[in-house]
Amino acid sequence: MKVTSSIVLYNTDRIVLNRVINSLLAYGLNERLYLIDNSLRDELSDLCNHSKIIYVHNPSNPGFGSAHNIAIEKAIESGSDYHFIVNPDIYFEGDVITPMVEYMKMDSAIGMMMPQILNTDGSIQNLPKLLPSPFSIFKRKIKKPVRAYQKFINEYELRQVPKNIIYNAPVLSGCFTLLNLDAIKKVGMYDDKFFMYFEDWDLSRRMHQNYKTIYFPKVSVVHEYESGANKSKKLFKIFVSSAISYFNKWGWFFDSERKKLNREALSQFK
């Protein structure tokens, strides 16, 4: 069993990056850590000071998913079985890696997994979701009227599901994801059309069509989530462009598969 991981960098804070690197390399199960640096300059190359770290400077900056694809390809070439996708603003204490890998190893039908994701104050980020419609994206942005929004968001983000149960969620966040590389070979890697945003939802959907996409709250990591698309006009434009690409690919208002997969997901909790 061989386990690898990757982090995509872009002008990443050195202290923040060192923190997640230390979390990942604290346990011997992780054999290779690929740092794919999309920054214009390779100022972080000196972090490749550990035998397990492979640094790749990638100044063309093709995007989040495309950069992770470089690492996934290298992981497959090296004979890796499982691969973690990790954001640089993640950190954790204790062994998160082994329980996730062991659980996936027991069931070859699992294609993707994510752990419980926490805010820095210990509260839970509601990241597993149903497959989105255009209305879902719009409602999440406006959050009104309050009563209707609350009913919608509780179902869409599966907020009323008991927090400690393992389940098969149609959409998993890409901030910390374990991939079964045998499954990736069948369904494909990230779609290069998405520069940033929605690439994880797209991969989740393709994986969910053929494999289980598991939320695994038995272990947790901390994510310093900044919600950049709500603060930056540039990132918001990228978000909108990615949303258009997603719905052009999967269907806007008429998507019978989306309804079917969401019904199946909700039926787990009845």
Protein backbone atom coordinates (compact mmCIF):
# COMPACT_ATOMS: atom_id res chain seq x y z
CA MET A 1 0.00 0.00 0.00
CA LYS A 2 1.54 3.30 -1.12
CA VAL A 3 0.14 6.69 -0.12
CA THR A 4 1.03 10.08 -1.64
CA SER A 5 -0.30 13.61 -1.33
CA SER A 6 -0.12 16.98 -3.06
CA ILE A 7 -0.48 20.66 -2.26
CA VAL A 8 -0.91 23.35 -4.90
CA LEU A 9 0.85 26.62 -4.04
CA TYR A 10 0.35 30.18 -5.24
CA ASN A 11 2.28 32.85 -3.34
CA THR A 12 1.60 30.73 -0.29
CA ASP A 13 2.57 31.94 3.17
CA ARG A 14 5.68 30.03 4.25
CA ILE A 15 4.59 29.61 7.88
CA VAL A 16 1.17 28.29 6.85
CA LEU A 17 2.76 25.90 4.37
CA ASN A 18 5.29 24.55 6.86
CA ARG A 19 2.44 23.80 9.25
CA VAL A 20 0.54 21.58 6.81
CA ILE A 21 3.75 19.91 5.60
CA ASN A 22 4.58 18.97 9.18
CA SER A 23 1.07 17.58 9.69
CA LEU A 24 1.32 15.42 6.57
CA LEU A 25 4.83 14.10 7.14
CA ALA A 26 4.38 13.32 10.83
CA TYR A 27 3.19 9.81 9.94
CA GLY A 28 5.21 7.35 7.89
CA LEU A 29 2.30 6.17 5.77
CA ASN A 30 2.65 9.19 3.46
CA GLU A 31 5.53 8.25 1.14
CA ARG A 32 5.63 11.29 -1.18
CA LEU A 33 4.41 14.86 -0.88
CA TYR A 34 4.23 16.79 -4.16
CA LEU A 35 4.38 20.58 -3.94
CA ILE A 36 3.10 22.04 -7.22
CA ASP A 37 3.98 25.72 -7.17
CA ASN A 38 1.91 27.88 -9.54
CA SER A 39 3.70 31.06 -8.38
CA LEU A 40 5.61 33.15 -10.89
CA ARG A 41 8.86 32.71 -8.91
CA ASP A 42 10.14 29.55 -7.21
CA GLU A 43 10.79 31.22 -3.86
CA LEU A 44 9.36 28.22 -2.01
CA SER A 45 11.69 25.70 -3.66
CA ASP A 46 13.92 25.60 -0.59
CA LEU A 47 11.11 23.80 1.25
CA CYS A 48 12.11 20.71 -0.71
CA ASN A 49 14.45 19.81 2.12
CA HIS A 50 12.93 16.45 3.00
CA SER A 51 13.46 13.17 1.16
CA LYS A 52 9.70 12.73 0.80
CA ILE A 53 9.03 16.16 -0.78
CA ILE A 54 8.99 16.63 -4.56
CA TYR A 55 8.83 20.29 -5.63
CA VAL A 56 7.52 21.22 -9.11
CA HIS A 57 7.61 24.84 -10.26
CA ASN A 58 4.64 25.48 -12.56
CA PRO A 59 4.59 29.25 -13.30
CA SER A 60 2.13 28.92 -16.20
CA ASN A 61 -0.50 28.63 -13.43
CA PRO A 62 -3.08 26.46 -15.23
CA GLY A 63 -5.30 26.37 -12.15
CA PHE A 64 -5.96 24.32 -9.03
CA GLY A 65 -7.21 21.09 -10.61
CA SER A 66 -4.71 21.09 -13.47
CA ALA A 67 -1.83 21.53 -11.03
CA HIS A 68 -3.06 18.67 -8.84
CA ASN A 69 -3.32 16.56 -12.00
CA ILE A 70 0.46 16.91 -12.39
CA ALA A 71 0.90 15.38 -8.95
CA ILE A 72 -1.73 12.70 -9.53
CA GLU A 73 0.02 11.60 -12.72
CA LYS A 74 3.34 11.40 -10.89
CA ALA A 75 1.69 9.48 -8.05
CA ILE A 76 0.21 6.93 -10.47
CA GLU A 77 3.56 6.58 -12.25
CA SER A 78 5.24 5.91 -8.89
CA GLY A 79 2.78 3.09 -8.14
CA SER A 80 0.78 4.93 -5.49
CA ASP A 81 -2.53 3.38 -4.41
CA TYR A 82 -4.07 6.34 -2.59
CA HIS A 83 -3.52 10.07 -2.94
CA PHE A 84 -4.50 13.00 -0.72
CA ILE A 85 -5.49 16.38 -2.19
CA VAL A 86 -4.64 19.00 0.45
CA ASN A 87 -5.12 22.76 0.65
CA PRO A 88 -2.21 24.74 2.12
CA ASP A 89 -4.54 26.26 4.75
CA ILE A 90 -5.19 22.84 6.32
CA TYR A 91 -3.59 21.52 9.50
CA PHE A 92 -4.23 18.74 11.97
CA GLU A 93 -2.87 16.97 15.01
CA GLY A 94 -2.87 13.21 15.45
CA ASP A 95 -2.99 10.56 12.76
CA VAL A 96 -5.71 11.45 10.27
CA ILE A 97 -4.02 9.67 7.36
CA THR A 98 -4.05 6.05 8.58
CA PRO A 99 -7.75 5.77 9.61
CA MET A 100 -8.89 7.20 6.27
CA VAL A 101 -6.63 4.97 4.19
CA GLU A 102 -7.52 1.86 6.20
CA TYR A 103 -11.25 2.54 5.80
CA MET A 104 -10.89 3.03 2.05
CA LYS A 105 -8.70 -0.05 1.78
CA MET A 106 -11.49 -2.20 3.27
CA ASP A 107 -13.93 -1.26 0.48
CA SER A 108 -12.75 -1.03 -3.13
CA ALA A 109 -16.11 0.58 -4.03
CA ILE A 110 -14.98 3.81 -2.34
CA GLY A 111 -13.54 6.28 -4.85
CA MET A 112 -13.21 9.43 -2.70
CA MET A 113 -13.31 10.37 0.97
CA MET A 114 -13.12 13.48 3.08
CA PRO A 115 -12.88 13.83 6.87
CA GLN A 116 -14.79 16.20 9.09
CA ILE A 117 -13.57 19.74 8.39
CA LEU A 118 -13.41 22.20 11.28
CA ASN A 119 -13.11 25.96 11.57
CA THR A 120 -10.33 27.31 13.77
CA ASP A 121 -12.87 27.73 16.61
CA GLY A 122 -13.75 24.03 16.46
CA SER A 123 -17.12 24.43 14.74
CA ILE A 124 -17.93 22.15 11.81
CA GLN A 125 -17.82 23.35 8.20
CA ASN A 126 -20.84 22.02 6.31
CA LEU A 127 -18.99 20.81 3.22
CA PRO A 128 -20.64 17.54 2.10
CA LYS A 129 -23.52 18.49 -0.19
CA LEU A 130 -26.16 17.37 -2.60
CA LEU A 131 -25.53 17.97 -6.29
CA PRO A 132 -26.25 21.66 -6.99
CA SER A 133 -28.73 23.27 -9.32
CA PRO A 134 -28.35 26.89 -10.48
CA PHE A 135 -30.99 27.77 -7.87
CA SER A 136 -28.78 26.20 -5.17
CA ILE A 137 -25.89 28.51 -6.02
CA PHE A 138 -28.15 31.56 -6.14
CA LYS A 139 -29.87 30.78 -2.83
CA ARG A 140 -26.54 30.24 -1.06
CA LYS A 141 -25.42 33.70 -2.14
CA ILE A 142 -28.52 35.74 -1.27
CA LYS A 143 -29.60 33.80 1.87
CA LYS A 144 -33.14 35.23 1.70
CA PRO A 145 -35.94 34.94 2.65
CA VAL A 146 -34.51 33.64 5.91
CA ARG A 147 -37.05 30.91 6.68
CA ALA A 148 -37.04 29.46 3.17
CA TYR A 149 -33.24 29.70 3.02
CA GLN A 150 -32.84 27.81 6.29
CA LYS A 151 -35.04 24.96 5.08
CA PHE A 152 -33.13 24.81 1.80
CA ILE A 153 -29.63 24.95 3.29
CA ASN A 154 -30.38 22.30 5.91
CA GLU A 155 -31.20 19.83 3.14
CA TYR A 156 -28.67 20.96 0.54
CA GLU A 157 -25.71 20.90 2.94
CA LEU A 158 -27.03 17.85 4.82
CA ARG A 159 -26.91 19.83 8.06
CA GLN A 160 -29.54 17.75 9.85
CA VAL A 161 -27.63 14.50 9.37
CA PRO A 162 -26.07 13.36 12.69
CA LYS A 163 -22.53 14.72 12.75
CA ASN A 164 -20.80 11.46 13.66
CA ILE A 165 -22.15 9.08 10.98
CA ILE A 166 -20.31 7.93 7.86
CA TYR A 167 -22.31 8.37 4.66
CA ASN A 168 -22.16 8.59 0.87
CA ALA A 169 -22.36 12.27 -0.15
CA PRO A 170 -22.71 13.31 -3.81
CA VAL A 171 -20.36 16.30 -3.39
CA LEU A 172 -17.17 16.40 -1.33
CA SER A 173 -14.94 19.41 -0.80
CA GLY A 174 -11.51 19.44 -2.41
CA CYS A 175 -9.79 21.07 0.57
CA PHE A 176 -8.79 17.67 1.98
CA THR A 177 -9.71 14.66 -0.14
CA LEU A 178 -8.47 11.09 -0.31
CA LEU A 179 -8.55 9.58 -3.81
CA ASN A 180 -8.55 5.90 -4.72
CA LEU A 181 -6.18 6.02 -7.70
CA ASP A 182 -7.68 2.88 -9.28
CA ALA A 183 -10.96 4.79 -9.40
CA ILE A 184 -9.23 7.89 -10.79
CA LYS A 185 -7.84 5.80 -13.64
CA LYS A 186 -11.43 4.93 -14.58
CA VAL A 187 -13.29 8.22 -14.09
CA GLY A 188 -10.44 10.62 -14.90
CA MET A 189 -8.66 13.37 -13.01
CA TYR A 190 -9.75 16.99 -12.55
CA ASP A 191 -11.30 18.66 -15.59
CA ASP A 192 -8.86 21.30 -16.91
CA LYS A 193 -11.76 23.56 -17.93
CA PHE A 194 -12.12 24.66 -14.30
CA PHE A 195 -9.39 27.10 -13.31
CA MET A 196 -10.65 27.23 -9.73
CA TYR A 197 -13.97 26.44 -8.02
CA PHE A 198 -16.35 23.61 -9.03
CA GLU A 199 -13.49 21.30 -10.11
CA ASP A 200 -14.01 19.27 -6.91
CA TRP A 201 -17.79 19.19 -7.43
CA ASP A 202 -17.29 18.00 -11.00
CA LEU A 203 -14.90 15.24 -9.93
CA SER A 204 -17.20 14.26 -7.06
CA ARG A 205 -20.10 13.86 -9.46
CA ARG A 206 -18.12 11.73 -11.91
CA MET A 207 -16.83 9.61 -9.05
CA HIS A 208 -20.27 9.34 -7.41
CA GLN A 209 -21.71 7.94 -10.64
CA ASN A 210 -19.45 4.89 -10.29
CA TYR A 211 -18.12 4.74 -6.73
CA LYS A 212 -18.97 5.74 -3.18
CA THR A 213 -17.92 9.26 -2.22
CA ILE A 214 -17.66 9.00 1.54
CA TYR A 215 -17.86 11.58 4.31
CA PHE A 216 -15.77 10.19 7.17
CA PRO A 217 -16.23 12.25 10.36
CA LYS A 218 -14.28 9.84 12.57
CA VAL A 219 -11.24 12.07 12.07
CA SER A 220 -11.01 15.82 11.51
CA VAL A 221 -8.75 18.54 10.14
CA VAL A 222 -8.80 22.32 10.56
CA HIS A 223 -9.40 24.51 7.50
CA GLU A 224 -8.76 28.26 7.65
CA TYR A 225 -11.51 28.99 5.16
CA GLU A 226 -11.52 32.58 3.81
CA SER A 227 -14.41 32.46 1.28
CA GLY A 228 -12.37 34.43 -1.24
CA ALA A 229 -15.15 34.62 -3.86
CA ASN A 230 -17.25 36.65 -1.42
CA LYS A 231 -14.45 39.19 -0.84
CA SER A 232 -12.66 39.59 -4.18
CA LYS A 233 -14.23 40.75 -7.46
CA LYS A 234 -11.58 38.82 -9.39
CA LEU A 235 -12.27 35.58 -7.55
CA PHE A 236 -16.03 36.12 -7.84
CA LYS A 237 -15.66 36.39 -11.64
CA ILE A 238 -13.70 33.13 -11.63
CA PHE A 239 -16.43 31.56 -9.48
CA VAL A 240 -19.16 32.64 -11.91
CA SER A 241 -17.16 31.43 -14.92
CA SER A 242 -16.63 28.04 -13.27
CA ALA A 243 -20.31 27.79 -12.36
CA ILE A 244 -21.25 28.40 -15.99
CA SER A 245 -18.77 25.72 -17.10
CA TYR A 246 -20.21 23.29 -14.55
CA PHE A 247 -23.84 23.73 -15.60
CA ASN A 248 -22.96 23.77 -19.29
CA LYS A 249 -21.39 20.37 -18.72
CA TRP A 250 -24.04 18.77 -16.50
CA GLY A 251 -27.23 20.62 -17.35
CA TRP A 252 -28.85 23.74 -16.01
CA PHE A 253 -32.49 23.31 -15.02
CA PHE A 254 -33.23 19.91 -16.56
CA ASP A 255 -30.97 17.30 -14.99
CA SER A 256 -32.78 14.07 -14.18
CA GLU A 257 -29.61 12.36 -12.96
CA ARG A 258 -29.03 15.13 -10.40
CA LYS A 259 -32.51 14.60 -8.98
CA LYS A 260 -32.03 10.82 -8.90
CA LEU A 261 -28.64 10.94 -7.15
CA ASN A 262 -29.85 13.51 -4.62
CA ARG A 263 -32.91 11.38 -3.79
CA GLU A 264 -30.69 8.36 -3.30
CA ALA A 265 -28.38 10.35 -1.01
CA LEU A 266 -31.27 11.59 1.14
CA SER A 267 -32.78 8.10 1.37
CA GLN A 268 -29.77 7.03 3.51
CA PHE A 269 -31.15 9.05 6.40
CA LYS A 270 -34.78 7.90 6.45
